[in-house]
Amino acid sequence: METYLKANLQLPCEVKGSDRFSWEDINIDTEQELEAYEKLKEENPSCSDKYELLGIEAGVRSVWQMYKGQDIGAYVRRVSDNKEFTLGLSELAATDYESENGQLLCDFDDWITDNV
């Protein structure tokens, strides 16, 4: 799968989180909780951010991956501050859904969901 994606993904490309990242599964009921969440977003990747997908590599793990050990690592740079993260490729979606990259990322997400 990695070989196919490396051969066909057009990098770099703009992506975003396809859903909230695991650390974002928190309650935000008060202004204080919202402020704490916004502070955490400075150091952690958020689904509301846009990223530049720079490369991919199988076997790479990070604290933010949902499917540790089964996902392909995705090297990304957050557009707003150039902070770099390694995320799970299956947790990303191309901002241009109609593009070839959009279809490849969607297909990979479906594949990994069906095979975990």
PDB file of N, CA and C in Angstrom:
ATOM      1  N   MET A   1       0.823  -1.193   0.000  1.00  0.00           N
ATOM      2  CA  MET A   1       0.000   0.000   0.000  1.00  0.00           C
ATOM      3  C   MET A   1       0.870   1.262   0.000  1.00  0.00           C
ATOM      4  N   GLU A   2       1.918   1.254   0.838  1.00  0.00           N
ATOM      5  CA  GLU A   2       2.795   2.430   0.908  1.00  0.00           C
ATOM      6  C   GLU A   2       3.422   2.720  -0.456  1.00  0.00           C
ATOM      7  N   THR A   3       3.893   1.682  -1.125  1.00  0.00           N
ATOM      8  CA  THR A   3       4.534   1.860  -2.426  1.00  0.00           C
ATOM      9  C   THR A   3       3.568   2.483  -3.424  1.00  0.00           C
ATOM     10  N   TYR A   4       2.326   1.998  -3.444  1.00  0.00           N
ATOM     11  CA  TYR A   4       1.308   2.535  -4.341  1.00  0.00           C
ATOM     12  C   TYR A   4       1.033   4.003  -4.039  1.00  0.00           C
ATOM     13  N   LEU A   5       0.864   4.319  -2.750  1.00  0.00           N
ATOM     14  CA  LEU A   5       0.573   5.705  -2.376  1.00  0.00           C
ATOM     15  C   LEU A   5       1.743   6.627  -2.692  1.00  0.00           C
ATOM     16  N   LYS A   6       2.969   6.178  -2.426  1.00  0.00           N
ATOM     17  CA  LYS A   6       4.139   7.006  -2.736  1.00  0.00           C
ATOM     18  C   LYS A   6       4.243   7.276  -4.232  1.00  0.00           C
ATOM     19  N   ALA A   7       3.856   6.303  -5.032  1.00  0.00           N
ATOM     20  CA  ALA A   7       3.928   6.459  -6.484  1.00  0.00           C
ATOM     21  C   ALA A   7       2.816   7.359  -7.027  1.00  0.00           C
ATOM     22  N   ASN A   8       1.697   7.446  -6.310  1.00  0.00           N
ATOM     23  CA  ASN A   8       0.539   8.142  -6.866  1.00  0.00           C
ATOM     24  C   ASN A   8       0.140   9.435  -6.171  1.00  0.00           C
ATOM     25  N   LEU A   9       0.486   9.607  -4.905  1.00  0.00           N
ATOM     26  CA  LEU A   9       0.174  10.870  -4.233  1.00  0.00           C
ATOM     27  C   LEU A   9       1.036  11.982  -4.824  1.00  0.00           C
ATOM     28  N   GLN A  10       0.428  13.109  -5.082  1.00  0.00           N
ATOM     29  CA  GLN A  10       1.160  14.264  -5.584  1.00  0.00           C
ATOM     30  C   GLN A  10       1.470  15.157  -4.390  1.00  0.00           C
ATOM     31  N   LEU A  11       2.749  15.119  -3.978  1.00  0.00           N
ATOM     32  CA  LEU A  11       3.174  15.847  -2.782  1.00  0.00           C
ATOM     33  C   LEU A  11       4.052  17.033  -3.164  1.00  0.00           C
ATOM     34  N   PRO A  12       4.007  18.076  -2.383  1.00  0.00           N
ATOM     35  CA  PRO A  12       3.165  18.275  -1.205  1.00  0.00           C
ATOM     36  C   PRO A  12       1.731  18.594  -1.624  1.00  0.00           C
ATOM     37  N   CYS A  13       0.803  18.357  -0.705  1.00  0.00           N
ATOM     38  CA  CYS A  13      -0.590  18.720  -0.940  1.00  0.00           C
ATOM     39  C   CYS A  13      -1.223  19.180   0.361  1.00  0.00           C
ATOM     40  N   GLU A  14      -2.270  19.984   0.250  1.00  0.00           N
ATOM     41  CA  GLU A  14      -2.921  20.510   1.441  1.00  0.00           C
ATOM     42  C   GLU A  14      -3.941  19.513   1.971  1.00  0.00           C
ATOM     43  N   VAL A  15      -3.867  19.254   3.281  1.00  0.00           N
ATOM     44  CA  VAL A  15      -4.764  18.310   3.945  1.00  0.00           C
ATOM     45  C   VAL A  15      -5.271  18.912   5.249  1.00  0.00           C
ATOM     46  N   LYS A  16      -6.250  18.243   5.815  1.00  0.00           N
ATOM     47  CA  LYS A  16      -6.781  18.597   7.132  1.00  0.00           C
ATOM     48  C   LYS A  16      -7.169  17.306   7.829  1.00  0.00           C
ATOM     49  N   GLY A  17      -7.460  17.394   9.107  1.00  0.00           N
ATOM     50  CA  GLY A  17      -7.927  16.219   9.823  1.00  0.00           C
ATOM     51  C   GLY A  17      -9.296  15.815   9.307  1.00  0.00           C
ATOM     52  N   SER A  18      -9.493  14.530   9.074  1.00  0.00           N
ATOM     53  CA  SER A  18     -10.793  14.068   8.571  1.00  0.00           C
ATOM     54  C   SER A  18     -11.834  14.026   9.682  1.00  0.00           C
ATOM     55  N   ASP A  19     -11.368  14.026  10.921  1.00  0.00           N
ATOM     56  CA  ASP A  19     -12.231  14.045  12.101  1.00  0.00           C
ATOM     57  C   ASP A  19     -11.381  14.566  13.243  1.00  0.00           C
ATOM     58  N   ARG A  20     -11.975  14.735  14.401  1.00  0.00           N
ATOM     59  CA  ARG A  20     -11.195  15.216  15.541  1.00  0.00           C
ATOM     60  C   ARG A  20     -10.121  14.191  15.888  1.00  0.00           C
ATOM     61  N   PHE A  21      -8.935  14.688  16.229  1.00  0.00           N
ATOM     62  CA  PHE A  21      -7.869  13.805  16.679  1.00  0.00           C
ATOM     63  C   PHE A  21      -8.201  13.324  18.089  1.00  0.00           C
ATOM     64  N   SER A  22      -7.608  12.208  18.492  1.00  0.00           N
ATOM     65  CA  SER A  22      -7.980  11.577  19.761  1.00  0.00           C
ATOM     66  C   SER A  22      -7.849  12.522  20.951  1.00  0.00           C
ATOM     67  N   TRP A  23      -6.846  13.374  20.972  1.00  0.00           N
ATOM     68  CA  TRP A  23      -6.683  14.290  22.106  1.00  0.00           C
ATOM     69  C   TRP A  23      -7.809  15.327  22.161  1.00  0.00           C
ATOM     70  N   GLU A  24      -8.505  15.525  21.044  1.00  0.00           N
ATOM     71  CA  GLU A  24      -9.574  16.524  20.985  1.00  0.00           C
ATOM     72  C   GLU A  24     -10.909  15.992  21.503  1.00  0.00           C
ATOM     73  N   ASP A  25     -10.939  14.749  21.927  1.00  0.00           N
ATOM     74  CA  ASP A  25     -12.156  14.178  22.506  1.00  0.00           C
ATOM     75  C   ASP A  25     -12.296  14.617  23.957  1.00  0.00           C
ATOM     76  N   ILE A  26     -12.544  15.889  24.131  1.00  0.00           N
ATOM     77  CA  ILE A  26     -12.685  16.468  25.460  1.00  0.00           C
ATOM     78  C   ILE A  26     -13.961  17.301  25.501  1.00  0.00           C
ATOM     79  N   ASN A  27     -14.486  17.479  26.693  1.00  0.00           N
ATOM     80  CA  ASN A  27     -15.682  18.307  26.857  1.00  0.00           C
ATOM     81  C   ASN A  27     -15.287  19.776  26.888  1.00  0.00           C
ATOM     82  N   ILE A  28     -16.041  20.566  26.149  1.00  0.00           N
ATOM     83  CA  ILE A  28     -15.819  22.008  26.152  1.00  0.00           C
ATOM     84  C   ILE A  28     -17.164  22.652  26.470  1.00  0.00           C
ATOM     85  N   ASP A  29     -17.451  22.726  27.763  1.00  0.00           N
ATOM     86  CA  ASP A  29     -18.742  23.243  28.214  1.00  0.00           C
ATOM     87  C   ASP A  29     -18.659  24.662  28.764  1.00  0.00           C
ATOM     88  N   THR A  30     -17.471  25.084  29.116  1.00  0.00           N
ATOM     89  CA  THR A  30     -17.331  26.406  29.725  1.00  0.00           C
ATOM     90  C   THR A  30     -16.307  27.233  28.965  1.00  0.00           C
ATOM     91  N   GLU A  31     -16.302  28.512  29.203  1.00  0.00           N
ATOM     92  CA  GLU A  31     -15.326  29.408  28.588  1.00  0.00           C
ATOM     93  C   GLU A  31     -13.910  29.015  29.004  1.00  0.00           C
ATOM     94  N   GLN A  32     -13.757  28.591  30.251  1.00  0.00           N
ATOM     95  CA  GLN A  32     -12.452  28.180  30.754  1.00  0.00           C
ATOM     96  C   GLN A  32     -11.950  26.930  30.012  1.00  0.00           C
ATOM     97  N   GLU A  33     -12.837  25.979  29.756  1.00  0.00           N
ATOM     98  CA  GLU A  33     -12.462  24.768  29.014  1.00  0.00           C
ATOM     99  C   GLU A  33     -12.108  25.112  27.564  1.00  0.00           C
ATOM    100  N   LEU A  34     -12.827  26.061  26.983  1.00  0.00           N
ATOM    101  CA  LEU A  34     -12.522  26.502  25.618  1.00  0.00           C
ATOM    102  C   LEU A  34     -11.147  27.152  25.562  1.00  0.00           C
ATOM    103  N   GLU A  35     -10.825  27.977  26.536  1.00  0.00           N
ATOM    104  CA  GLU A  35      -9.517  28.615  26.595  1.00  0.00           C
ATOM    105  C   GLU A  35      -8.413  27.575  26.745  1.00  0.00           C
ATOM    106  N   ALA A  36      -8.639  26.569  27.577  1.00  0.00           N
ATOM    107  CA  ALA A  36      -7.659  25.504  27.765  1.00  0.00           C
ATOM    108  C   ALA A  36      -7.462  24.726  26.457  1.00  0.00           C
ATOM    109  N   TYR A  37      -8.557  24.455  25.757  1.00  0.00           N
ATOM    110  CA  TYR A  37      -8.497  23.753  24.468  1.00  0.00           C
ATOM    111  C   TYR A  37      -7.694  24.570  23.454  1.00  0.00           C
ATOM    112  N   GLU A  38      -7.970  25.853  23.370  1.00  0.00           N
ATOM    113  CA  GLU A  38      -7.258  26.717  22.424  1.00  0.00           C
ATOM    114  C   GLU A  38      -5.762  26.735  22.735  1.00  0.00           C
ATOM    115  N   LYS A  39      -5.405  26.711  23.999  1.00  0.00           N
ATOM    116  CA  LYS A  39      -3.998  26.676  24.402  1.00  0.00           C
ATOM    117  C   LYS A  39      -3.355  25.347  23.978  1.00  0.00           C
ATOM    118  N   LEU A  40      -4.074  24.243  24.166  1.00  0.00           N
ATOM    119  CA  LEU A  40      -3.556  22.938  23.759  1.00  0.00           C
ATOM    120  C   LEU A  40      -3.344  22.851  22.249  1.00  0.00           C
ATOM    121  N   LYS A  41      -4.190  23.533  21.487  1.00  0.00           N
ATOM    122  CA  LYS A  41      -4.069  23.519  20.027  1.00  0.00           C
ATOM    123  C   LYS A  41      -2.766  24.152  19.544  1.00  0.00           C
ATOM    124  N   GLU A  42      -2.145  24.981  20.373  1.00  0.00           N
ATOM    125  CA  GLU A  42      -0.883  25.598  19.972  1.00  0.00           C
ATOM    126  C   GLU A  42       0.226  24.569  19.836  1.00  0.00           C
ATOM    127  N   GLU A  43       0.186  23.518  20.654  1.00  0.00           N
ATOM    128  CA  GLU A  43       1.248  22.508  20.657  1.00  0.00           C
ATOM    129  C   GLU A  43       0.824  21.172  20.056  1.00  0.00           C
ATOM    130  N   ASN A  44      -0.460  20.990  19.790  1.00  0.00           N
ATOM    131  CA  ASN A  44      -0.986  19.728  19.278  1.00  0.00           C
ATOM    132  C   ASN A  44      -1.681  19.954  17.938  1.00  0.00           C
ATOM    133  N   PRO A  45      -1.696  18.929  17.098  1.00  0.00           N
ATOM    134  CA  PRO A  45      -2.430  19.060  15.841  1.00  0.00           C
ATOM    135  C   PRO A  45      -3.936  19.081  16.111  1.00  0.00           C
ATOM    136  N   SER A  46      -4.657  19.850  15.338  1.00  0.00           N
ATOM    137  CA  SER A  46      -6.106  19.937  15.496  1.00  0.00           C
ATOM    138  C   SER A  46      -6.784  19.687  14.150  1.00  0.00           C
ATOM    139  N   CYS A  47      -7.972  19.129  14.215  1.00  0.00           N
ATOM    140  CA  CYS A  47      -8.726  18.871  12.981  1.00  0.00           C
ATOM    141  C   CYS A  47      -9.146  20.177  12.308  1.00  0.00           C
ATOM    142  N   SER A  48      -9.114  21.278  13.029  1.00  0.00           N
ATOM    143  CA  SER A  48      -9.508  22.559  12.439  1.00  0.00           C
ATOM    144  C   SER A  48      -8.352  23.229  11.704  1.00  0.00           C
ATOM    145  N   ASP A  49      -7.152  22.665  11.785  1.00  0.00           N
ATOM    146  CA  ASP A  49      -5.983  23.231  11.109  1.00  0.00           C
ATOM    147  C   ASP A  49      -5.839  22.674   9.700  1.00  0.00           C
ATOM    148  N   LYS A  50      -5.126  23.422   8.873  1.00  0.00           N
ATOM    149  CA  LYS A  50      -4.728  22.940   7.548  1.00  0.00           C
ATOM    150  C   LYS A  50      -3.243  22.623   7.607  1.00  0.00           C
ATOM    151  N   TYR A  51      -2.859  21.584   6.856  1.00  0.00           N
ATOM    152  CA  TYR A  51      -1.488  21.097   6.849  1.00  0.00           C
ATOM    153  C   TYR A  51      -1.021  20.917   5.412  1.00  0.00           C
ATOM    154  N   GLU A  52       0.289  20.895   5.259  1.00  0.00           N
ATOM    155  CA  GLU A  52       0.899  20.514   4.002  1.00  0.00           C
ATOM    156  C   GLU A  52       1.445  19.102   4.213  1.00  0.00           C
ATOM    157  N   LEU A  53       0.942  18.135   3.445  1.00  0.00           N
ATOM    158  CA  LEU A  53       1.438  16.760   3.523  1.00  0.00           C
ATOM    159  C   LEU A  53       2.753  16.702   2.759  1.00  0.00           C
ATOM    160  N   LEU A  54       3.829  16.375   3.493  1.00  0.00           N
ATOM    161  CA  LEU A  54       5.171  16.415   2.924  1.00  0.00           C
ATOM    162  C   LEU A  54       5.678  15.048   2.489  1.00  0.00           C
ATOM    163  N   GLY A  55       5.253  13.995   3.195  1.00  0.00           N
ATOM    164  CA  GLY A  55       5.718  12.658   2.867  1.00  0.00           C
ATOM    165  C   GLY A  55       5.027  11.620   3.724  1.00  0.00           C
ATOM    166  N   ILE A  56       5.215  10.366   3.364  1.00  0.00           N
ATOM    167  CA  ILE A  56       4.607   9.262   4.111  1.00  0.00           C
ATOM    168  C   ILE A  56       5.645   8.170   4.308  1.00  0.00           C
ATOM    169  N   GLU A  57       5.428   7.377   5.370  1.00  0.00           N
ATOM    170  CA  GLU A  57       6.350   6.276   5.648  1.00  0.00           C
ATOM    171  C   GLU A  57       5.671   5.242   6.536  1.00  0.00           C
ATOM    172  N   ALA A  58       5.659   4.004   6.082  1.00  0.00           N
ATOM    173  CA  ALA A  58       5.083   2.917   6.880  1.00  0.00           C
ATOM    174  C   ALA A  58       5.975   2.643   8.077  1.00  0.00           C
ATOM    175  N   GLY A  59       5.368   2.159   9.154  1.00  0.00           N
ATOM    176  CA  GLY A  59       6.112   1.790  10.340  1.00  0.00           C
ATOM    177  C   GLY A  59       6.428   2.944  11.267  1.00  0.00           C
ATOM    178  N   VAL A  60       6.045   4.136  10.896  1.00  0.00           N
ATOM    179  CA  VAL A  60       6.292   5.308  11.734  1.00  0.00           C
ATOM    180  C   VAL A  60       5.108   5.487  12.676  1.00  0.00           C
ATOM    181  N   ARG A  61       5.403   5.717  13.948  1.00  0.00           N
ATOM    182  CA  ARG A  61       4.350   5.901  14.942  1.00  0.00           C
ATOM    183  C   ARG A  61       4.457   7.278  15.566  1.00  0.00           C
ATOM    184  N   SER A  62       3.326   7.763  16.044  1.00  0.00           N
ATOM    185  CA  SER A  62       3.320   9.021  16.786  1.00  0.00           C
ATOM    186  C   SER A  62       2.231   8.955  17.853  1.00  0.00           C
ATOM    187  N   VAL A  63       2.312   9.838  18.795  1.00  0.00           N
ATOM    188  CA  VAL A  63       1.332   9.846  19.887  1.00  0.00           C
ATOM    189  C   VAL A  63      -0.060  10.209  19.393  1.00  0.00           C
ATOM    190  N   TRP A  64      -0.158  10.800  18.218  1.00  0.00           N
ATOM    191  CA  TRP A  64      -1.466  11.243  17.722  1.00  0.00           C
ATOM    192  C   TRP A  64      -2.167  10.224  16.838  1.00  0.00           C
ATOM    193  N   GLN A  65      -1.502   9.147  16.465  1.00  0.00           N
ATOM    194  CA  GLN A  65      -2.126   8.170  15.575  1.00  0.00           C
ATOM    195  C   GLN A  65      -3.203   7.365  16.286  1.00  0.00           C
ATOM    196  N   MET A  66      -4.317   7.177  15.604  1.00  0.00           N
ATOM    197  CA  MET A  66      -5.392   6.351  16.138  1.00  0.00           C
ATOM    198  C   MET A  66      -5.063   4.871  15.956  1.00  0.00           C
ATOM    199  N   TYR A  67      -4.565   4.497  14.792  1.00  0.00           N
ATOM    200  CA  TYR A  67      -4.281   3.095  14.479  1.00  0.00           C
ATOM    201  C   TYR A  67      -2.773   2.850  14.556  1.00  0.00           C
ATOM    202  N   LYS A  68      -2.227   2.948  15.745  1.00  0.00           N
ATOM    203  CA  LYS A  68      -0.781   2.782  15.934  1.00  0.00           C
ATOM    204  C   LYS A  68      -0.324   1.415  15.426  1.00  0.00           C
ATOM    205  N   GLY A  69       0.736   1.433  14.635  1.00  0.00           N
ATOM    206  CA  GLY A  69       1.300   0.197  14.127  1.00  0.00           C
ATOM    207  C   GLY A  69       0.644  -0.325  12.864  1.00  0.00           C
ATOM    208  N   GLN A  70      -0.529   0.193  12.520  1.00  0.00           N
ATOM    209  CA  GLN A  70      -1.223  -0.285  11.324  1.00  0.00           C
ATOM    210  C   GLN A  70      -1.357   0.810  10.272  1.00  0.00           C
ATOM    211  N   ASP A  71      -1.313   2.049  10.703  1.00  0.00           N
ATOM    212  CA  ASP A  71      -1.458   3.184   9.799  1.00  0.00           C
ATOM    213  C   ASP A  71      -0.109   3.520   9.162  1.00  0.00           C
ATOM    214  N   ILE A  72      -0.144   4.304   8.129  1.00  0.00           N
ATOM    215  CA  ILE A  72       1.065   4.844   7.523  1.00  0.00           C
ATOM    216  C   ILE A  72       1.307   6.215   8.143  1.00  0.00           C
ATOM    217  N   GLY A  73       2.541   6.475   8.534  1.00  0.00           N
ATOM    218  CA  GLY A  73       2.873   7.780   9.102  1.00  0.00           C
ATOM    219  C   GLY A  73       2.837   8.856   8.033  1.00  0.00           C
ATOM    220  N   ALA A  74       2.292  10.005   8.395  1.00  0.00           N
ATOM    221  CA  ALA A  74       2.208  11.138   7.476  1.00  0.00           C
ATOM    222  C   ALA A  74       2.958  12.316   8.082  1.00  0.00           C
ATOM    223  N   TYR A  75       3.974  12.785   7.366  1.00  0.00           N
ATOM    224  CA  TYR A  75       4.732  13.948   7.815  1.00  0.00           C
ATOM    225  C   TYR A  75       4.022  15.196   7.295  1.00  0.00           C
ATOM    226  N   VAL A  76       3.600  16.045   8.216  1.00  0.00           N
ATOM    227  CA  VAL A  76       2.851  17.244   7.836  1.00  0.00           C
ATOM    228  C   VAL A  76       3.448  18.486   8.492  1.00  0.00           C
ATOM    229  N   ARG A  77       3.184  19.637   7.859  1.00  0.00           N
ATOM    230  CA  ARG A  77       3.549  20.938   8.409  1.00  0.00           C
ATOM    231  C   ARG A  77       2.285  21.781   8.491  1.00  0.00           C
ATOM    232  N   ARG A  78       1.984  22.271   9.694  1.00  0.00           N
ATOM    233  CA  ARG A  78       0.791  23.109   9.870  1.00  0.00           C
ATOM    234  C   ARG A  78       1.014  24.428   9.135  1.00  0.00           C
ATOM    235  N   VAL A  79       0.028  24.817   8.336  1.00  0.00           N
ATOM    236  CA  VAL A  79       0.136  26.011   7.508  1.00  0.00           C
ATOM    237  C   VAL A  79       0.254  27.281   8.351  1.00  0.00           C
ATOM    238  N   SER A  80      -0.475  27.364   9.446  1.00  0.00           N
ATOM    239  CA  SER A  80      -0.532  28.605  10.223  1.00  0.00           C
ATOM    240  C   SER A  80       0.769  28.967  10.924  1.00  0.00           C
ATOM    241  N   ASP A  81       1.578  27.977  11.327  1.00  0.00           N
ATOM    242  CA  ASP A  81       2.787  28.296  12.083  1.00  0.00           C
ATOM    243  C   ASP A  81       4.007  27.448  11.704  1.00  0.00           C
ATOM    244  N   ASN A  82       3.880  26.644  10.654  1.00  0.00           N
ATOM    245  CA  ASN A  82       4.966  25.789  10.156  1.00  0.00           C
ATOM    246  C   ASN A  82       5.418  24.721  11.154  1.00  0.00           C
ATOM    247  N   LYS A  83       4.635  24.456  12.186  1.00  0.00           N
ATOM    248  CA  LYS A  83       4.967  23.405  13.156  1.00  0.00           C
ATOM    249  C   LYS A  83       4.749  22.044  12.475  1.00  0.00           C
ATOM    250  N   GLU A  84       5.724  21.140  12.643  1.00  0.00           N
ATOM    251  CA  GLU A  84       5.650  19.835  11.987  1.00  0.00           C
ATOM    252  C   GLU A  84       5.188  18.752  12.957  1.00  0.00           C
ATOM    253  N   PHE A  85       4.401  17.815  12.405  1.00  0.00           N
ATOM    254  CA  PHE A  85       3.865  16.690  13.163  1.00  0.00           C
ATOM    255  C   PHE A  85       3.966  15.433  12.310  1.00  0.00           C
ATOM    256  N   THR A  86       3.922  14.296  12.965  1.00  0.00           N
ATOM    257  CA  THR A  86       3.734  13.027  12.273  1.00  0.00           C
ATOM    258  C   THR A  86       2.368  12.524  12.718  1.00  0.00           C
ATOM    259  N   LEU A  87       1.480  12.352  11.760  1.00  0.00           N
ATOM    260  CA  LEU A  87       0.105  11.928  12.028  1.00  0.00           C
ATOM    261  C   LEU A  87      -0.155  10.619  11.302  1.00  0.00           C
ATOM    262  N   GLY A  88      -1.314  10.039  11.520  1.00  0.00           N
ATOM    263  CA  GLY A  88      -1.727   8.861  10.770  1.00  0.00           C
ATOM    264  C   GLY A  88      -2.348   9.290   9.443  1.00  0.00           C
ATOM    265  N   LEU A  89      -1.888   8.718   8.351  1.00  0.00           N
ATOM    266  CA  LEU A  89      -2.397   9.092   7.032  1.00  0.00           C
ATOM    267  C   LEU A  89      -3.903   8.876   6.933  1.00  0.00           C
ATOM    268  N   SER A  90      -4.410   7.837   7.603  1.00  0.00           N
ATOM    269  CA  SER A  90      -5.848   7.552   7.508  1.00  0.00           C
ATOM    270  C   SER A  90      -6.698   8.626   8.177  1.00  0.00           C
ATOM    271  N   GLU A  91      -6.084   9.476   8.989  1.00  0.00           N
ATOM    272  CA  GLU A  91      -6.825  10.524   9.696  1.00  0.00           C
ATOM    273  C   GLU A  91      -6.798  11.859   8.965  1.00  0.00           C
ATOM    274  N   LEU A  92      -6.303  11.842   7.729  1.00  0.00           N
ATOM    275  CA  LEU A  92      -6.197  13.068   6.945  1.00  0.00           C
ATOM    276  C   LEU A  92      -7.074  13.003   5.708  1.00  0.00           C
ATOM    277  N   ALA A  93      -7.521  14.170   5.291  1.00  0.00           N
ATOM    278  CA  ALA A  93      -8.303  14.300   4.061  1.00  0.00           C
ATOM    279  C   ALA A  93      -7.747  15.472   3.267  1.00  0.00           C
ATOM    280  N   ALA A  94      -7.720  15.335   1.962  1.00  0.00           N
ATOM    281  CA  ALA A  94      -7.281  16.445   1.111  1.00  0.00           C
ATOM    282  C   ALA A  94      -8.319  17.560   1.193  1.00  0.00           C
ATOM    283  N   THR A  95      -7.849  18.789   1.207  1.00  0.00           N
ATOM    284  CA  THR A  95      -8.799  19.905   1.240  1.00  0.00           C
ATOM    285  C   THR A  95      -9.539  20.005  -0.092  1.00  0.00           C
ATOM    286  N   ASP A  96      -8.946  19.491  -1.158  1.00  0.00           N
ATOM    287  CA  ASP A  96      -9.613  19.421  -2.459  1.00  0.00           C
ATOM    288  C   ASP A  96     -10.115  17.989  -2.645  1.00  0.00           C
ATOM    289  N   TYR A  97     -11.356  17.753  -2.188  1.00  0.00           N
ATOM    290  CA  TYR A  97     -11.923  16.400  -2.231  1.00  0.00           C
ATOM    291  C   TYR A  97     -12.012  15.838  -3.646  1.00  0.00           C
ATOM    292  N   GLU A  98     -12.134  16.715  -4.626  1.00  0.00           N
ATOM    293  CA  GLU A  98     -12.325  16.273  -6.007  1.00  0.00           C
ATOM    294  C   GLU A  98     -11.015  15.883  -6.690  1.00  0.00           C
ATOM    295  N   SER A  99      -9.899  16.148  -6.057  1.00  0.00           N
ATOM    296  CA  SER A  99      -8.605  15.866  -6.671  1.00  0.00           C
ATOM    297  C   SER A  99      -8.274  14.374  -6.602  1.00  0.00           C
ATOM    298  N   GLU A 100      -7.239  13.988  -7.345  1.00  0.00           N
ATOM    299  CA  GLU A 100      -6.767  12.605  -7.292  1.00  0.00           C
ATOM    300  C   GLU A 100      -6.277  12.282  -5.883  1.00  0.00           C
ATOM    301  N   ASN A 101      -5.593  13.232  -5.237  1.00  0.00           N
ATOM    302  CA  ASN A 101      -5.139  13.025  -3.863  1.00  0.00           C
ATOM    303  C   ASN A 101      -6.325  12.825  -2.925  1.00  0.00           C
ATOM    304  N   GLY A 102      -7.388  13.582  -3.149  1.00  0.00           N
ATOM    305  CA  GLY A 102      -8.590  13.444  -2.327  1.00  0.00           C
ATOM    306  C   GLY A 102      -9.146  12.039  -2.392  1.00  0.00           C
ATOM    307  N   GLN A 103      -9.197  11.483  -3.591  1.00  0.00           N
ATOM    308  CA  GLN A 103      -9.709  10.129  -3.776  1.00  0.00           C
ATOM    309  C   GLN A 103      -8.770   9.091  -3.155  1.00  0.00           C
ATOM    310  N   LEU A 104      -7.469   9.262  -3.358  1.00  0.00           N
ATOM    311  CA  LEU A 104      -6.502   8.318  -2.788  1.00  0.00           C
ATOM    312  C   LEU A 104      -6.580   8.291  -1.262  1.00  0.00           C
ATOM    313  N   LEU A 105      -6.668   9.466  -0.630  1.00  0.00           N
ATOM    314  CA  LEU A 105      -6.740   9.519   0.827  1.00  0.00           C
ATOM    315  C   LEU A 105      -8.046   8.944   1.344  1.00  0.00           C
ATOM    316  N   CYS A 106      -9.124   9.197   0.637  1.00  0.00           N
ATOM    317  CA  CYS A 106     -10.425   8.641   1.019  1.00  0.00           C
ATOM    318  C   CYS A 106     -10.401   7.115   0.900  1.00  0.00           C
ATOM    319  N   ASP A 107      -9.854   6.611  -0.192  1.00  0.00           N
ATOM    320  CA  ASP A 107      -9.758   5.159  -0.386  1.00  0.00           C
ATOM    321  C   ASP A 107      -8.877   4.514   0.676  1.00  0.00           C
ATOM    322  N   PHE A 108      -7.769   5.169   1.032  1.00  0.00           N
ATOM    323  CA  PHE A 108      -6.895   4.616   2.067  1.00  0.00           C
ATOM    324  C   PHE A 108      -7.605   4.591   3.410  1.00  0.00           C
ATOM    325  N   ASP A 109      -8.330   5.638   3.739  1.00  0.00           N
ATOM    326  CA  ASP A 109      -9.090   5.669   4.987  1.00  0.00           C
ATOM    327  C   ASP A 109     -10.091   4.519   5.030  1.00  0.00           C
ATOM    328  N   ASP A 110     -10.800   4.297   3.932  1.00  0.00           N
ATOM    329  CA  ASP A 110     -11.751   3.174   3.866  1.00  0.00           C
ATOM    330  C   ASP A 110     -11.025   1.840   4.033  1.00  0.00           C
ATOM    331  N   TRP A 111      -9.889   1.694   3.374  1.00  0.00           N
ATOM    332  CA  TRP A 111      -9.146   0.447   3.433  1.00  0.00           C
ATOM    333  C   TRP A 111      -8.687   0.153   4.849  1.00  0.00           C
ATOM    334  N   ILE A 112      -8.093   1.145   5.518  1.00  0.00           N
ATOM    335  CA  ILE A 112      -7.569   0.885   6.863  1.00  0.00           C
ATOM    336  C   ILE A 112      -8.704   0.641   7.853  1.00  0.00           C
ATOM    337  N   THR A 113      -9.818   1.331   7.691  1.00  0.00           N
ATOM    338  CA  THR A 113     -10.957   1.114   8.574  1.00  0.00           C
ATOM    339  C   THR A 113     -11.485  -0.302   8.436  1.00  0.00           C
ATOM    340  N   ASP A 114     -11.513  -0.810   7.212  1.00  0.00           N
ATOM    341  CA  ASP A 114     -11.996  -2.172   6.964  1.00  0.00           C
ATOM    342  C   ASP A 114     -11.011  -3.264   7.401  1.00  0.00           C
ATOM    343  N   ASN A 115      -9.731  -2.887   7.569  1.00  0.00           N
ATOM    344  CA  ASN A 115      -8.711  -3.886   7.837  1.00  0.00           C
ATOM    345  C   ASN A 115      -8.086  -3.809   9.224  1.00  0.00           C
ATOM    346  N   VAL A 116      -8.623  -3.014  10.099  1.00  0.00           N
ATOM    347  CA  VAL A 116      -8.091  -2.964  11.475  1.00  0.00           C
ATOM    348  C   VAL A 116      -8.916  -3.779  12.412  1.00  0.00           C
TER     349      VAL A 116
END
